[in-house]
């Protein structure tokens, strides 16, 4: 895994955690926290995130890598959006196929 891919994977694994990323001991956010973050990012409430909605959910420090993250880890099927199920899998550090 090259450094850029590793960095993108690290950002994705911390996506949409908001303040949950700062929990003591590096505790990952709960599924409920991840779900709430998805709902908050879904501005048009269509049950999926387009690229702009997804990017708005990223921490500021990840904004520069947004295009690479979107194309390499998030929208792997190229359909232009990520469903809640895909988002939740990303939050667990898994891609759509279930692998890391």
PDB file of N, CA and C in Angstrom:
ATOM      1  N   UNK A   1       0.860  -1.169   0.000  1.00  0.00           N
ATOM      2  CA  UNK A   1       0.000   0.000   0.000  1.00  0.00           C
ATOM      3  C   UNK A   1       0.901   1.224   0.000  1.00  0.00           C
ATOM      4  N   UNK A   2       0.704   2.126  -0.991  1.00  0.00           N
ATOM      5  CA  UNK A   2       1.547   3.312  -1.017  1.00  0.00           C
ATOM      6  C   UNK A   2       1.078   4.320   0.021  1.00  0.00           C
ATOM      7  N   UNK A   3       1.894   5.328   0.255  1.00  0.00           N
ATOM      8  CA  UNK A   3       1.609   6.298   1.315  1.00  0.00           C
ATOM      9  C   UNK A   3       0.297   7.032   1.083  1.00  0.00           C
ATOM     10  N   UNK A   4       0.021   7.441  -0.160  1.00  0.00           N
ATOM     11  CA  UNK A   4      -1.213   8.175  -0.437  1.00  0.00           C
ATOM     12  C   UNK A   4      -2.429   7.285  -0.209  1.00  0.00           C
ATOM     13  N   UNK A   5      -2.363   6.028  -0.634  1.00  0.00           N
ATOM     14  CA  UNK A   5      -3.468   5.105  -0.407  1.00  0.00           C
ATOM     15  C   UNK A   5      -3.659   4.880   1.083  1.00  0.00           C
ATOM     16  N   UNK A   6      -2.558   4.735   1.817  1.00  0.00           N
ATOM     17  CA  UNK A   6      -2.641   4.565   3.266  1.00  0.00           C
ATOM     18  C   UNK A   6      -3.284   5.779   3.913  1.00  0.00           C
ATOM     19  N   UNK A   7      -2.861   6.970   3.488  1.00  0.00           N
ATOM     20  CA  UNK A   7      -3.424   8.188   4.055  1.00  0.00           C
ATOM     21  C   UNK A   7      -4.913   8.281   3.749  1.00  0.00           C
ATOM     22  N   UNK A   8      -5.297   7.955   2.523  1.00  0.00           N
ATOM     23  CA  UNK A   8      -6.718   7.983   2.159  1.00  0.00           C
ATOM     24  C   UNK A   8      -7.502   6.979   2.988  1.00  0.00           C
ATOM     25  N   UNK A   9      -6.947   5.787   3.170  1.00  0.00           N
ATOM     26  CA  UNK A   9      -7.619   4.771   3.975  1.00  0.00           C
ATOM     27  C   UNK A   9      -7.762   5.231   5.419  1.00  0.00           C
ATOM     28  N   UNK A  10      -6.741   5.899   5.933  1.00  0.00           N
ATOM     29  CA  UNK A  10      -6.801   6.392   7.308  1.00  0.00           C
ATOM     30  C   UNK A  10      -7.880   7.456   7.452  1.00  0.00           C
ATOM     31  N   UNK A  11      -7.982   8.328   6.464  1.00  0.00           N
ATOM     32  CA  UNK A  11      -9.011   9.364   6.518  1.00  0.00           C
ATOM     33  C   UNK A  11     -10.386   8.728   6.430  1.00  0.00           C
ATOM     34  N   UNK A  12     -10.551   7.787   5.506  1.00  0.00           N
ATOM     35  CA  UNK A  12     -11.849   7.127   5.360  1.00  0.00           C
ATOM     36  C   UNK A  12     -12.216   6.394   6.633  1.00  0.00           C
ATOM     37  N   UNK A  13     -11.250   5.742   7.266  1.00  0.00           N
ATOM     38  CA  UNK A  13     -11.578   5.013   8.486  1.00  0.00           C
ATOM     39  C   UNK A  13     -11.989   5.959   9.608  1.00  0.00           C
ATOM     40  N   UNK A  14     -11.621   7.223   9.483  1.00  0.00           N
ATOM     41  CA  UNK A  14     -12.022   8.207  10.478  1.00  0.00           C
ATOM     42  C   UNK A  14     -13.125   9.134   9.996  1.00  0.00           C
ATOM     43  N   UNK A  15     -13.675   8.871   8.838  1.00  0.00           N
ATOM     44  CA  UNK A  15     -14.695   9.730   8.244  1.00  0.00           C
ATOM     45  C   UNK A  15     -15.888   9.956   9.127  1.00  0.00           C
ATOM     46  N   UNK A  16     -16.363  11.142   9.041  1.00  0.00           N
ATOM     47  CA  UNK A  16     -17.652  11.491   9.617  1.00  0.00           C
ATOM     48  C   UNK A  16     -17.754  11.184  11.092  1.00  0.00           C
ATOM     49  N   UNK A  17     -16.633  11.016  11.736  1.00  0.00           N
ATOM     50  CA  UNK A  17     -16.672  10.720  13.160  1.00  0.00           C
ATOM     51  C   UNK A  17     -16.867  11.991  13.973  1.00  0.00           C
ATOM     52  N   UNK A  18     -16.498  13.126  13.381  1.00  0.00           N
ATOM     53  CA  UNK A  18     -16.638  14.384  14.092  1.00  0.00           C
ATOM     54  C   UNK A  18     -15.943  14.322  15.435  1.00  0.00           C
ATOM     55  N   UNK A  19     -16.640  14.702  16.477  1.00  0.00           N
ATOM     56  CA  UNK A  19     -16.039  14.698  17.811  1.00  0.00           C
ATOM     57  C   UNK A  19     -15.785  13.286  18.313  1.00  0.00           C
ATOM     58  N   UNK A  20     -16.411  12.300  17.691  1.00  0.00           N
ATOM     59  CA  UNK A  20     -16.186  10.925  18.122  1.00  0.00           C
ATOM     60  C   UNK A  20     -14.744  10.505  17.887  1.00  0.00           C
ATOM     61  N   UNK A  21     -14.053  11.137  16.934  1.00  0.00           N
ATOM     62  CA  UNK A  21     -12.657  10.802  16.691  1.00  0.00           C
ATOM     63  C   UNK A  21     -11.794  11.170  17.886  1.00  0.00           C
ATOM     64  N   UNK A  22     -12.239  12.103  18.674  1.00  0.00           N
ATOM     65  CA  UNK A  22     -11.433  12.597  19.784  1.00  0.00           C
ATOM     66  C   UNK A  22     -11.711  11.866  21.091  1.00  0.00           C
ATOM     67  N   UNK A  23     -12.411  10.770  21.021  1.00  0.00           N
ATOM     68  CA  UNK A  23     -12.709  10.051  22.248  1.00  0.00           C
ATOM     69  C   UNK A  23     -11.428   9.548  22.889  1.00  0.00           C
ATOM     70  N   UNK A  24     -11.388   9.514  24.224  1.00  0.00           N
ATOM     71  CA  UNK A  24     -10.191   9.040  24.914  1.00  0.00           C
ATOM     72  C   UNK A  24      -9.812   7.630  24.474  1.00  0.00           C
ATOM     73  N   UNK A  25      -8.504   7.426  24.332  1.00  0.00           N
ATOM     74  CA  UNK A  25      -8.018   6.105  23.968  1.00  0.00           C
ATOM     75  C   UNK A  25      -8.238   5.747  22.509  1.00  0.00           C
ATOM     76  N   UNK A  26      -8.673   6.718  21.684  1.00  0.00           N
ATOM     77  CA  UNK A  26      -8.874   6.446  20.280  1.00  0.00           C
ATOM     78  C   UNK A  26     -10.043   5.512  20.003  1.00  0.00           C
ATOM     79  N   UNK A  27     -11.012   5.469  20.886  1.00  0.00           N
ATOM     80  CA  UNK A  27     -12.171   4.612  20.711  1.00  0.00           C
ATOM     81  C   UNK A  27     -12.896   5.001  19.429  1.00  0.00           C
ATOM     82  N   UNK A  28     -13.136   4.041  18.554  1.00  0.00           N
ATOM     83  CA  UNK A  28     -13.852   4.379  17.321  1.00  0.00           C
ATOM     84  C   UNK A  28     -15.301   4.748  17.619  1.00  0.00           C
ATOM     85  N   UNK A  29     -15.898   5.535  16.736  1.00  0.00           N
ATOM     86  CA  UNK A  29     -17.292   5.905  16.946  1.00  0.00           C
ATOM     87  C   UNK A  29     -18.198   4.680  16.873  1.00  0.00           C
ATOM     88  N   UNK A  30     -19.285   4.754  17.564  1.00  0.00           N
ATOM     89  CA  UNK A  30     -20.249   3.651  17.571  1.00  0.00           C
ATOM     90  C   UNK A  30     -21.022   3.643  16.254  1.00  0.00           C
ATOM     91  N   UNK A  31     -21.667   2.535  15.924  1.00  0.00           N
ATOM     92  CA  UNK A  31     -22.526   2.523  14.725  1.00  0.00           C
ATOM     93  C   UNK A  31     -23.593   3.619  14.770  1.00  0.00           C
ATOM     94  N   UNK A  32     -24.107   3.895  15.943  1.00  0.00           N
ATOM     95  CA  UNK A  32     -25.120   4.941  16.072  1.00  0.00           C
ATOM     96  C   UNK A  32     -24.543   6.309  15.737  1.00  0.00           C
ATOM     97  N   UNK A  33     -23.317   6.572  16.186  1.00  0.00           N
ATOM     98  CA  UNK A  33     -22.657   7.839  15.865  1.00  0.00           C
ATOM     99  C   UNK A  33     -22.383   7.940  14.371  1.00  0.00           C
ATOM    100  N   UNK A  34     -21.953   6.833  13.759  1.00  0.00           N
ATOM    101  CA  UNK A  34     -21.694   6.830  12.314  1.00  0.00           C
ATOM    102  C   UNK A  34     -22.987   7.061  11.539  1.00  0.00           C
ATOM    103  N   UNK A  35     -24.060   6.419  11.980  1.00  0.00           N
ATOM    104  CA  UNK A  35     -25.350   6.580  11.314  1.00  0.00           C
ATOM    105  C   UNK A  35     -25.830   8.024  11.421  1.00  0.00           C
ATOM    106  N   UNK A  36     -25.687   8.617  12.592  1.00  0.00           N
ATOM    107  CA  UNK A  36     -26.104  10.009  12.787  1.00  0.00           C
ATOM    108  C   UNK A  36     -25.303  10.944  11.883  1.00  0.00           C
ATOM    109  N   UNK A  37     -24.035  10.656  11.708  1.00  0.00           N
ATOM    110  CA  UNK A  37     -23.194  11.490  10.843  1.00  0.00           C
ATOM    111  C   UNK A  37     -23.631  11.373   9.391  1.00  0.00           C
ATOM    112  N   UNK A  38     -24.008  10.169   8.962  1.00  0.00           N
ATOM    113  CA  UNK A  38     -24.514   9.973   7.604  1.00  0.00           C
ATOM    114  C   UNK A  38     -25.782  10.808   7.405  1.00  0.00           C
ATOM    115  N   UNK A  39     -26.697  10.712   8.343  1.00  0.00           N
ATOM    116  CA  UNK A  39     -27.963  11.442   8.244  1.00  0.00           C
ATOM    117  C   UNK A  39     -27.695  12.946   8.176  1.00  0.00           C
ATOM    118  N   UNK A  40     -26.762  13.441   8.978  1.00  0.00           N
ATOM    119  CA  UNK A  40     -26.435  14.864   8.978  1.00  0.00           C
ATOM    120  C   UNK A  40     -25.822  15.294   7.643  1.00  0.00           C
ATOM    121  N   UNK A  41     -25.020  14.437   7.019  1.00  0.00           N
ATOM    122  CA  UNK A  41     -24.373  14.780   5.748  1.00  0.00           C
ATOM    123  C   UNK A  41     -25.340  14.693   4.571  1.00  0.00           C
ATOM    124  N   UNK A  42     -26.419  13.933   4.697  1.00  0.00           N
ATOM    125  CA  UNK A  42     -27.382  13.731   3.604  1.00  0.00           C
ATOM    126  C   UNK A  42     -28.296  14.952   3.499  1.00  0.00           C
ATOM    127  N   UNK A  43     -27.759  16.021   2.915  1.00  0.00           N
ATOM    128  CA  UNK A  43     -28.454  17.311   2.875  1.00  0.00           C
ATOM    129  C   UNK A  43     -29.808  17.251   2.178  1.00  0.00           C
ATOM    130  N   UNK A  44     -29.920  16.488   1.104  1.00  0.00           N
ATOM    131  CA  UNK A  44     -31.191  16.432   0.378  1.00  0.00           C
ATOM    132  C   UNK A  44     -32.088  15.283   0.831  1.00  0.00           C
ATOM    133  N   UNK A  45     -31.639  14.565   1.833  1.00  0.00           N
ATOM    134  CA  UNK A  45     -32.417  13.489   2.480  1.00  0.00           C
ATOM    135  C   UNK A  45     -32.929  12.434   1.490  1.00  0.00           C
ATOM    136  N   UNK A  46     -32.046  12.067   0.525  1.00  0.00           N
ATOM    137  CA  UNK A  46     -32.426  11.024  -0.436  1.00  0.00           C
ATOM    138  C   UNK A  46     -31.908   9.645  -0.044  1.00  0.00           C
ATOM    139  N   UNK A  47     -31.276   9.545   1.130  1.00  0.00           N
ATOM    140  CA  UNK A  47     -30.809   8.247   1.609  1.00  0.00           C
ATOM    141  C   UNK A  47     -29.464   7.819   1.063  1.00  0.00           C
ATOM    142  N   UNK A  48     -28.779   8.730   0.385  1.00  0.00           N
ATOM    143  CA  UNK A  48     -27.443   8.450  -0.129  1.00  0.00           C
ATOM    144  C   UNK A  48     -26.669   9.764  -0.176  1.00  0.00           C
ATOM    145  N   UNK A  49     -25.342   9.644  -0.232  1.00  0.00           N
ATOM    146  CA  UNK A  49     -24.502  10.835  -0.293  1.00  0.00           C
ATOM    147  C   UNK A  49     -23.899  10.952  -1.673  1.00  0.00           C
ATOM    148  N   UNK A  50     -24.075  12.111  -2.300  1.00  0.00           N
ATOM    149  CA  UNK A  50     -23.334  12.372  -3.525  1.00  0.00           C
ATOM    150  C   UNK A  50     -21.952  12.880  -3.110  1.00  0.00           C
ATOM    151  N   UNK A  51     -21.132  13.173  -4.081  1.00  0.00           N
ATOM    152  CA  UNK A  51     -19.760  13.567  -3.753  1.00  0.00           C
ATOM    153  C   UNK A  51     -19.722  14.821  -2.883  1.00  0.00           C
ATOM    154  N   UNK A  52     -20.514  15.818  -3.207  1.00  0.00           N
ATOM    155  CA  UNK A  52     -20.498  17.061  -2.426  1.00  0.00           C
ATOM    156  C   UNK A  52     -20.928  16.820  -0.984  1.00  0.00           C
ATOM    157  N   UNK A  53     -21.952  16.014  -0.794  1.00  0.00           N
ATOM    158  CA  UNK A  53     -22.397  15.705   0.572  1.00  0.00           C
ATOM    159  C   UNK A  53     -21.317  14.938   1.321  1.00  0.00           C
ATOM    160  N   UNK A  54     -20.711  13.960   0.646  1.00  0.00           N
ATOM    161  CA  UNK A  54     -19.647  13.185   1.272  1.00  0.00           C
ATOM    162  C   UNK A  54     -18.485  14.083   1.675  1.00  0.00           C
ATOM    163  N   UNK A  55     -18.053  14.932   0.731  1.00  0.00           N
ATOM    164  CA  UNK A  55     -16.921  15.807   1.002  1.00  0.00           C
ATOM    165  C   UNK A  55     -17.226  16.730   2.173  1.00  0.00           C
ATOM    166  N   UNK A  56     -18.470  17.181   2.282  1.00  0.00           N
ATOM    167  CA  UNK A  56     -18.820  18.061   3.405  1.00  0.00           C
ATOM    168  C   UNK A  56     -18.711  17.344   4.747  1.00  0.00           C
ATOM    169  N   UNK A  57     -18.727  16.011   4.728  1.00  0.00           N
ATOM    170  CA  UNK A  57     -18.624  15.258   5.973  1.00  0.00           C
ATOM    171  C   UNK A  57     -17.174  15.024   6.403  1.00  0.00           C
ATOM    172  N   UNK A  58     -16.228  15.348   5.522  1.00  0.00           N
ATOM    173  CA  UNK A  58     -14.820  15.117   5.829  1.00  0.00           C
ATOM    174  C   UNK A  58     -14.264  16.178   6.774  1.00  0.00           C
ATOM    175  N   UNK A  59     -13.326  15.772   7.617  1.00  0.00           N
ATOM    176  CA  UNK A  59     -12.622  16.778   8.426  1.00  0.00           C
ATOM    177  C   UNK A  59     -11.878  17.738   7.493  1.00  0.00           C
ATOM    178  N   UNK A  60     -11.689  18.966   7.915  1.00  0.00           N
ATOM    179  CA  UNK A  60     -11.034  19.977   7.083  1.00  0.00           C
ATOM    180  C   UNK A  60      -9.675  19.503   6.565  1.00  0.00           C
ATOM    181  N   UNK A  61      -8.927  18.805   7.391  1.00  0.00           N
ATOM    182  CA  UNK A  61      -7.594  18.365   6.979  1.00  0.00           C
ATOM    183  C   UNK A  61      -7.636  17.347   5.838  1.00  0.00           C
ATOM    184  N   UNK A  62      -8.784  16.756   5.585  1.00  0.00           N
ATOM    185  CA  UNK A  62      -8.921  15.765   4.514  1.00  0.00           C
ATOM    186  C   UNK A  62      -9.453  16.361   3.225  1.00  0.00           C
ATOM    187  N   UNK A  63      -9.851  17.620   3.246  1.00  0.00           N
ATOM    188  CA  UNK A  63     -10.447  18.234   2.065  1.00  0.00           C
ATOM    189  C   UNK A  63      -9.526  18.169   0.845  1.00  0.00           C
ATOM    190  N   UNK A  64      -8.222  18.343   1.035  1.00  0.00           N
ATOM    191  CA  UNK A  64      -7.286  18.315  -0.091  1.00  0.00           C
ATOM    192  C   UNK A  64      -7.239  16.945  -0.766  1.00  0.00           C
ATOM    193  N   UNK A  65      -7.591  15.899  -0.040  1.00  0.00           N
ATOM    194  CA  UNK A  65      -7.540  14.546  -0.594  1.00  0.00           C
ATOM    195  C   UNK A  65      -8.925  14.043  -1.012  1.00  0.00           C
ATOM    196  N   UNK A  66      -9.911  14.917  -1.007  1.00  0.00           N
ATOM    197  CA  UNK A  66     -11.296  14.494  -1.231  1.00  0.00           C
ATOM    198  C   UNK A  66     -11.489  13.765  -2.551  1.00  0.00           C
ATOM    199  N   UNK A  67     -10.906  14.269  -3.633  1.00  0.00           N
ATOM    200  CA  UNK A  67     -11.091  13.613  -4.939  1.00  0.00           C
ATOM    201  C   UNK A  67     -10.518  12.201  -4.940  1.00  0.00           C
ATOM    202  N   UNK A  68      -9.320  12.041  -4.397  1.00  0.00           N
ATOM    203  CA  UNK A  68      -8.728  10.711  -4.364  1.00  0.00           C
ATOM    204  C   UNK A  68      -9.515   9.771  -3.459  1.00  0.00           C
ATOM    205  N   UNK A  69      -9.939  10.260  -2.319  1.00  0.00           N
ATOM    206  CA  UNK A  69     -10.710   9.424  -1.400  1.00  0.00           C
ATOM    207  C   UNK A  69     -11.996   8.963  -2.072  1.00  0.00           C
ATOM    208  N   UNK A  70     -12.675   9.900  -2.739  1.00  0.00           N
ATOM    209  CA  UNK A  70     -13.941   9.576  -3.392  1.00  0.00           C
ATOM    210  C   UNK A  70     -13.750   8.498  -4.452  1.00  0.00           C
ATOM    211  N   UNK A  71     -12.763   8.689  -5.328  1.00  0.00           N
ATOM    212  CA  UNK A  71     -12.610   7.754  -6.444  1.00  0.00           C
ATOM    213  C   UNK A  71     -11.951   6.443  -6.053  1.00  0.00           C
ATOM    214  N   UNK A  72     -11.081   6.451  -5.061  1.00  0.00           N
ATOM    215  CA  UNK A  72     -10.353   5.221  -4.739  1.00  0.00           C
ATOM    216  C   UNK A  72     -11.007   4.379  -3.650  1.00  0.00           C
ATOM    217  N   UNK A  73     -11.775   4.998  -2.755  1.00  0.00           N
ATOM    218  CA  UNK A  73     -12.303   4.239  -1.621  1.00  0.00           C
ATOM    219  C   UNK A  73     -13.816   4.303  -1.454  1.00  0.00           C
ATOM    220  N   UNK A  74     -14.424   5.380  -1.895  1.00  0.00           N
ATOM    221  CA  UNK A  74     -15.833   5.574  -1.571  1.00  0.00           C
ATOM    222  C   UNK A  74     -16.735   5.132  -2.718  1.00  0.00           C
ATOM    223  N   UNK A  75     -16.600   5.772  -3.865  1.00  0.00           N
ATOM    224  CA  UNK A  75     -17.470   5.462  -5.003  1.00  0.00           C
ATOM    225  C   UNK A  75     -16.787   4.458  -5.925  1.00  0.00           C
ATOM    226  N   UNK A  76     -16.467   3.297  -5.394  1.00  0.00           N
ATOM    227  CA  UNK A  76     -15.733   2.302  -6.160  1.00  0.00           C
ATOM    228  C   UNK A  76     -16.526   1.753  -7.335  1.00  0.00           C
ATOM    229  N   UNK A  77     -17.843   1.794  -7.276  1.00  0.00           N
ATOM    230  CA  UNK A  77     -18.636   1.286  -8.395  1.00  0.00           C
ATOM    231  C   UNK A  77     -18.956   2.374  -9.416  1.00  0.00           C
ATOM    232  N   UNK A  78     -18.533   3.611  -9.146  1.00  0.00           N
ATOM    233  CA  UNK A  78     -18.657   4.703 -10.105  1.00  0.00           C
ATOM    234  C   UNK A  78     -20.075   5.190 -10.353  1.00  0.00           C
ATOM    235  N   UNK A  79     -21.009   4.920  -9.441  1.00  0.00           N
ATOM    236  CA  UNK A  79     -22.387   5.325  -9.674  1.00  0.00           C
ATOM    237  C   UNK A  79     -22.694   6.753  -9.216  1.00  0.00           C
ATOM    238  N   UNK A  80     -21.713   7.433  -8.619  1.00  0.00           N
ATOM    239  CA  UNK A  80     -21.888   8.829  -8.246  1.00  0.00           C
ATOM    240  C   UNK A  80     -22.428   9.072  -6.856  1.00  0.00           C
ATOM    241  N   UNK A  81     -22.633   8.027  -6.083  1.00  0.00           N
ATOM    242  CA  UNK A  81     -23.107   8.208  -4.713  1.00  0.00           C
ATOM    243  C   UNK A  81     -22.687   7.031  -3.852  1.00  0.00           C
ATOM    244  N   UNK A  82     -22.841   7.216  -2.548  1.00  0.00           N
ATOM    245  CA  UNK A  82     -22.569   6.155  -1.582  1.00  0.00           C
ATOM    246  C   UNK A  82     -23.831   5.977  -0.738  1.00  0.00           C
ATOM    247  N   UNK A  83     -24.275   4.747  -0.628  1.00  0.00           N
ATOM    248  CA  UNK A  83     -25.453   4.451   0.182  1.00  0.00           C
ATOM    249  C   UNK A  83     -25.071   4.416   1.664  1.00  0.00           C
ATOM    250  N   UNK A  84     -26.082   4.393   2.514  1.00  0.00           N
ATOM    251  CA  UNK A  84     -25.814   4.295   3.950  1.00  0.00           C
ATOM    252  C   UNK A  84     -25.046   3.018   4.258  1.00  0.00           C
ATOM    253  N   UNK A  85     -25.407   1.921   3.618  1.00  0.00           N
ATOM    254  CA  UNK A  85     -24.716   0.645   3.852  1.00  0.00           C
ATOM    255  C   UNK A  85     -23.248   0.739   3.451  1.00  0.00           C
ATOM    256  N   UNK A  86     -22.972   1.357   2.295  1.00  0.00           N
ATOM    257  CA  UNK A  86     -21.583   1.528   1.860  1.00  0.00           C
ATOM    258  C   UNK A  86     -20.834   2.435   2.828  1.00  0.00           C
ATOM    259  N   UNK A  87     -21.465   3.495   3.255  1.00  0.00           N
ATOM    260  CA  UNK A  87     -20.858   4.432   4.189  1.00  0.00           C
ATOM    261  C   UNK A  87     -20.529   3.748   5.511  1.00  0.00           C
ATOM    262  N   UNK A  88     -21.470   2.964   6.011  1.00  0.00           N
ATOM    263  CA  UNK A  88     -21.249   2.265   7.276  1.00  0.00           C
ATOM    264  C   UNK A  88     -20.104   1.265   7.147  1.00  0.00           C
ATOM    265  N   UNK A  89     -19.991   0.601   6.012  1.00  0.00           N
ATOM    266  CA  UNK A  89     -18.883  -0.328   5.799  1.00  0.00           C
ATOM    267  C   UNK A  89     -17.562   0.431   5.768  1.00  0.00           C
ATOM    268  N   UNK A  90     -17.538   1.592   5.144  1.00  0.00           N
ATOM    269  CA  UNK A  90     -16.332   2.413   5.129  1.00  0.00           C
ATOM    270  C   UNK A  90     -15.939   2.831   6.531  1.00  0.00           C
ATOM    271  N   UNK A  91     -16.903   3.168   7.321  1.00  0.00           N
ATOM    272  CA  UNK A  91     -16.632   3.590   8.698  1.00  0.00           C
ATOM    273  C   UNK A  91     -16.015   2.482   9.518  1.00  0.00           C
ATOM    274  N   UNK A  92     -16.211   1.247   9.121  1.00  0.00           N
ATOM    275  CA  UNK A  92     -15.631   0.127   9.836  1.00  0.00           C
ATOM    276  C   UNK A  92     -14.298  -0.265   9.210  1.00  0.00           C
ATOM    277  N   UNK A  93     -13.808   0.552   8.286  1.00  0.00           N
ATOM    278  CA  UNK A  93     -12.538   0.275   7.651  1.00  0.00           C
ATOM    279  C   UNK A  93     -12.626  -0.776   6.570  1.00  0.00           C
ATOM    280  N   UNK A  94     -13.827  -1.024   6.062  1.00  0.00           N
ATOM    281  CA  UNK A  94     -14.000  -2.029   5.034  1.00  0.00           C
ATOM    282  C   UNK A  94     -14.461  -1.371   3.752  1.00  0.00           C
ATOM    283  N   UNK A  95     -14.044  -1.944   2.649  1.00  0.00           N
ATOM    284  CA  UNK A  95     -14.555  -1.504   1.360  1.00  0.00           C
ATOM    285  C   UNK A  95     -15.843  -2.237   1.078  1.00  0.00           C
ATOM    286  N   UNK A  96     -16.461  -1.955  -0.081  1.00  0.00           N
ATOM    287  CA  UNK A  96     -17.715  -2.605  -0.419  1.00  0.00           C
ATOM    288  C   UNK A  96     -17.648  -4.118  -0.460  1.00  0.00           C
ATOM    289  N   UNK A  97     -16.474  -4.668  -0.728  1.00  0.00           N
ATOM    290  CA  UNK A  97     -16.327  -6.123  -0.752  1.00  0.00           C
ATOM    291  C   UNK A  97     -16.091  -6.728   0.611  1.00  0.00           C
ATOM    292  N   UNK A  98     -16.033  -5.906   1.645  1.00  0.00           N
ATOM    293  CA  UNK A  98     -15.842  -6.419   3.009  1.00  0.00           C
ATOM    294  C   UNK A  98     -14.391  -6.475   3.424  1.00  0.00           C
ATOM    295  N   UNK A  99     -13.450  -6.221   2.521  1.00  0.00           N
ATOM    296  CA  UNK A  99     -12.044  -6.266   2.881  1.00  0.00           C
ATOM    297  C   UNK A  99     -11.532  -4.930   3.318  1.00  0.00           C
ATOM    298  N   UNK A 100     -10.324  -4.910   3.827  1.00  0.00           N
ATOM    299  CA  UNK A 100      -9.712  -3.647   4.231  1.00  0.00           C
ATOM    300  C   UNK A 100      -8.966  -3.043   3.098  1.00  0.00           C
TER     301      UNK A 100
END
